[in-house]
Amino acid sequence: MSKQQLDPLPFHLMIDAYTKCAEGCGSCIEALRERFEMEYSDAHGATSVEAA
């Protein structure tokens, strides 16, 4: 999330650029989405990832 704060990207691009997941299982996506929404809404007053 620190990289996302320095260089903000939409959620789907953030996943591609910053996670570097080699297995592609997707198990971390929901936790990342929740944290992204929480931090994005705190910083920008938005209420969902779609608003990004």
N, C-alpha and C. Protein backbone atom coordinates (compact mmCIF):
# COMPACT_ATOMS: atom_id res chain seq x y z
N MET A 1 0.83 -1.19 0.00
CA MET A 1 0.00 0.00 0.00
C MET A 1 0.87 1.25 0.00
N SER A 2 2.08 1.17 0.52
CA SER A 2 2.93 2.36 0.51
C SER A 2 3.28 2.77 -0.91
N LYS A 3 3.51 1.80 -1.80
CA LYS A 3 3.77 2.13 -3.21
C LYS A 3 2.53 2.76 -3.83
N GLN A 4 1.36 2.25 -3.49
CA GLN A 4 0.11 2.80 -4.01
C GLN A 4 -0.07 4.24 -3.55
N GLN A 5 0.31 4.55 -2.33
CA GLN A 5 0.17 5.91 -1.83
C GLN A 5 1.11 6.86 -2.57
N LEU A 6 2.31 6.38 -2.93
CA LEU A 6 3.27 7.22 -3.63
C LEU A 6 2.92 7.40 -5.10
N ASP A 7 2.36 6.37 -5.72
CA ASP A 7 2.03 6.39 -7.14
C ASP A 7 0.67 5.76 -7.34
N PRO A 8 -0.43 6.48 -7.02
CA PRO A 8 -1.77 5.91 -7.03
C PRO A 8 -2.20 5.41 -8.41
N LEU A 9 -2.79 4.23 -8.42
CA LEU A 9 -3.33 3.62 -9.63
C LEU A 9 -4.73 3.12 -9.33
N PRO A 10 -5.58 2.96 -10.37
CA PRO A 10 -6.86 2.29 -10.16
C PRO A 10 -6.61 0.88 -9.63
N PHE A 11 -7.59 0.31 -8.94
CA PHE A 11 -7.41 -0.96 -8.24
C PHE A 11 -6.83 -2.05 -9.13
N HIS A 12 -7.43 -2.29 -10.30
CA HIS A 12 -6.96 -3.40 -11.14
C HIS A 12 -5.53 -3.19 -11.61
N LEU A 13 -5.12 -1.97 -11.87
CA LEU A 13 -3.74 -1.69 -12.25
C LEU A 13 -2.81 -1.82 -11.05
N MET A 14 -3.30 -1.45 -9.87
CA MET A 14 -2.51 -1.60 -8.65
C MET A 14 -2.16 -3.07 -8.45
N ILE A 15 -3.13 -3.96 -8.62
CA ILE A 15 -2.90 -5.38 -8.45
C ILE A 15 -1.81 -5.85 -9.41
N ASP A 16 -1.92 -5.48 -10.67
CA ASP A 16 -0.93 -5.89 -11.67
C ASP A 16 0.45 -5.32 -11.38
N ALA A 17 0.51 -4.06 -11.01
CA ALA A 17 1.79 -3.37 -10.86
C ALA A 17 2.51 -3.69 -9.56
N TYR A 18 1.78 -3.86 -8.47
CA TYR A 18 2.42 -3.91 -7.17
C TYR A 18 2.41 -5.26 -6.47
N THR A 19 1.58 -6.21 -6.88
CA THR A 19 1.54 -7.47 -6.14
C THR A 19 2.56 -8.49 -6.63
N LYS A 20 2.83 -8.53 -7.90
CA LYS A 20 3.79 -9.47 -8.48
C LYS A 20 3.50 -10.90 -8.04
N CYS A 21 2.24 -11.25 -8.04
CA CYS A 21 1.83 -12.59 -7.62
C CYS A 21 2.21 -13.61 -8.70
N ALA A 22 3.03 -14.57 -8.34
CA ALA A 22 3.48 -15.58 -9.29
C ALA A 22 2.50 -16.74 -9.41
N GLU A 23 1.71 -16.99 -8.37
CA GLU A 23 0.81 -18.13 -8.39
C GLU A 23 -0.54 -17.81 -9.02
N GLY A 24 -0.98 -16.59 -8.92
CA GLY A 24 -2.25 -16.19 -9.52
C GLY A 24 -3.48 -16.81 -8.89
N CYS A 25 -3.41 -17.19 -7.62
CA CYS A 25 -4.55 -17.84 -6.98
C CYS A 25 -5.67 -16.86 -6.65
N GLY A 26 -5.33 -15.59 -6.47
CA GLY A 26 -6.34 -14.57 -6.18
C GLY A 26 -6.78 -14.52 -4.73
N SER A 27 -6.17 -15.28 -3.85
CA SER A 27 -6.63 -15.32 -2.46
C SER A 27 -6.45 -14.00 -1.73
N CYS A 28 -5.56 -13.16 -2.20
CA CYS A 28 -5.29 -11.89 -1.50
C CYS A 28 -6.16 -10.74 -2.04
N ILE A 29 -6.85 -10.95 -3.14
CA ILE A 29 -7.55 -9.84 -3.82
C ILE A 29 -8.58 -9.18 -2.92
N GLU A 30 -9.41 -9.93 -2.24
CA GLU A 30 -10.48 -9.34 -1.42
C GLU A 30 -9.90 -8.53 -0.27
N ALA A 31 -8.86 -9.04 0.38
CA ALA A 31 -8.24 -8.29 1.48
C ALA A 31 -7.61 -7.01 0.95
N LEU A 32 -6.96 -7.08 -0.20
CA LEU A 32 -6.38 -5.87 -0.80
C LEU A 32 -7.46 -4.88 -1.21
N ARG A 33 -8.57 -5.38 -1.76
CA ARG A 33 -9.67 -4.49 -2.16
C ARG A 33 -10.23 -3.75 -0.94
N GLU A 34 -10.41 -4.45 0.17
CA GLU A 34 -10.93 -3.82 1.38
C GLU A 34 -9.97 -2.74 1.88
N ARG A 35 -8.70 -3.07 1.90
CA ARG A 35 -7.71 -2.08 2.38
C ARG A 35 -7.62 -0.90 1.41
N PHE A 36 -7.64 -1.18 0.11
CA PHE A 36 -7.61 -0.13 -0.90
C PHE A 36 -8.79 0.81 -0.72
N GLU A 37 -9.98 0.24 -0.58
CA GLU A 37 -11.18 1.07 -0.41
C GLU A 37 -11.10 1.92 0.85
N MET A 38 -10.62 1.33 1.94
CA MET A 38 -10.51 2.05 3.19
C MET A 38 -9.51 3.22 3.04
N GLU A 39 -8.34 2.94 2.51
CA GLU A 39 -7.32 3.98 2.39
C GLU A 39 -7.68 5.00 1.32
N TYR A 40 -8.28 4.57 0.21
CA TYR A 40 -8.65 5.50 -0.84
C TYR A 40 -9.76 6.43 -0.36
N SER A 41 -10.74 5.87 0.34
CA SER A 41 -11.84 6.71 0.82
C SER A 41 -11.36 7.69 1.88
N ASP A 42 -10.42 7.28 2.72
CA ASP A 42 -9.86 8.17 3.72
C ASP A 42 -9.12 9.34 3.05
N ALA A 43 -8.41 9.03 1.98
CA ALA A 43 -7.58 10.05 1.31
C ALA A 43 -8.38 10.92 0.35
N HIS A 44 -9.43 10.35 -0.27
CA HIS A 44 -10.12 11.07 -1.34
C HIS A 44 -11.61 11.26 -1.10
N GLY A 45 -12.14 10.75 -0.02
CA GLY A 45 -13.55 10.92 0.27
C GLY A 45 -14.44 10.06 -0.61
N ALA A 46 -13.89 9.13 -1.38
CA ALA A 46 -14.69 8.24 -2.22
C ALA A 46 -15.22 7.10 -1.37
N THR A 47 -16.23 6.39 -1.91
CA THR A 47 -16.84 5.32 -1.12
C THR A 47 -16.63 3.95 -1.72
N SER A 48 -16.06 3.82 -2.91
CA SER A 48 -15.83 2.50 -3.49
C SER A 48 -14.70 2.54 -4.49
N VAL A 49 -14.20 1.35 -4.81
CA VAL A 49 -13.14 1.21 -5.80
C VAL A 49 -13.61 1.73 -7.15
N GLU A 50 -14.88 1.51 -7.48
CA GLU A 50 -15.40 1.95 -8.78
C GLU A 50 -15.31 3.47 -8.92
N ALA A 51 -15.34 4.18 -7.82
CA ALA A 51 -15.23 5.65 -7.88
C ALA A 51 -13.83 6.09 -8.22
N ALA A 52 -12.86 5.18 -8.07
CA ALA A 52 -11.47 5.49 -8.35
C ALA A 52 -11.28 5.61 -9.79
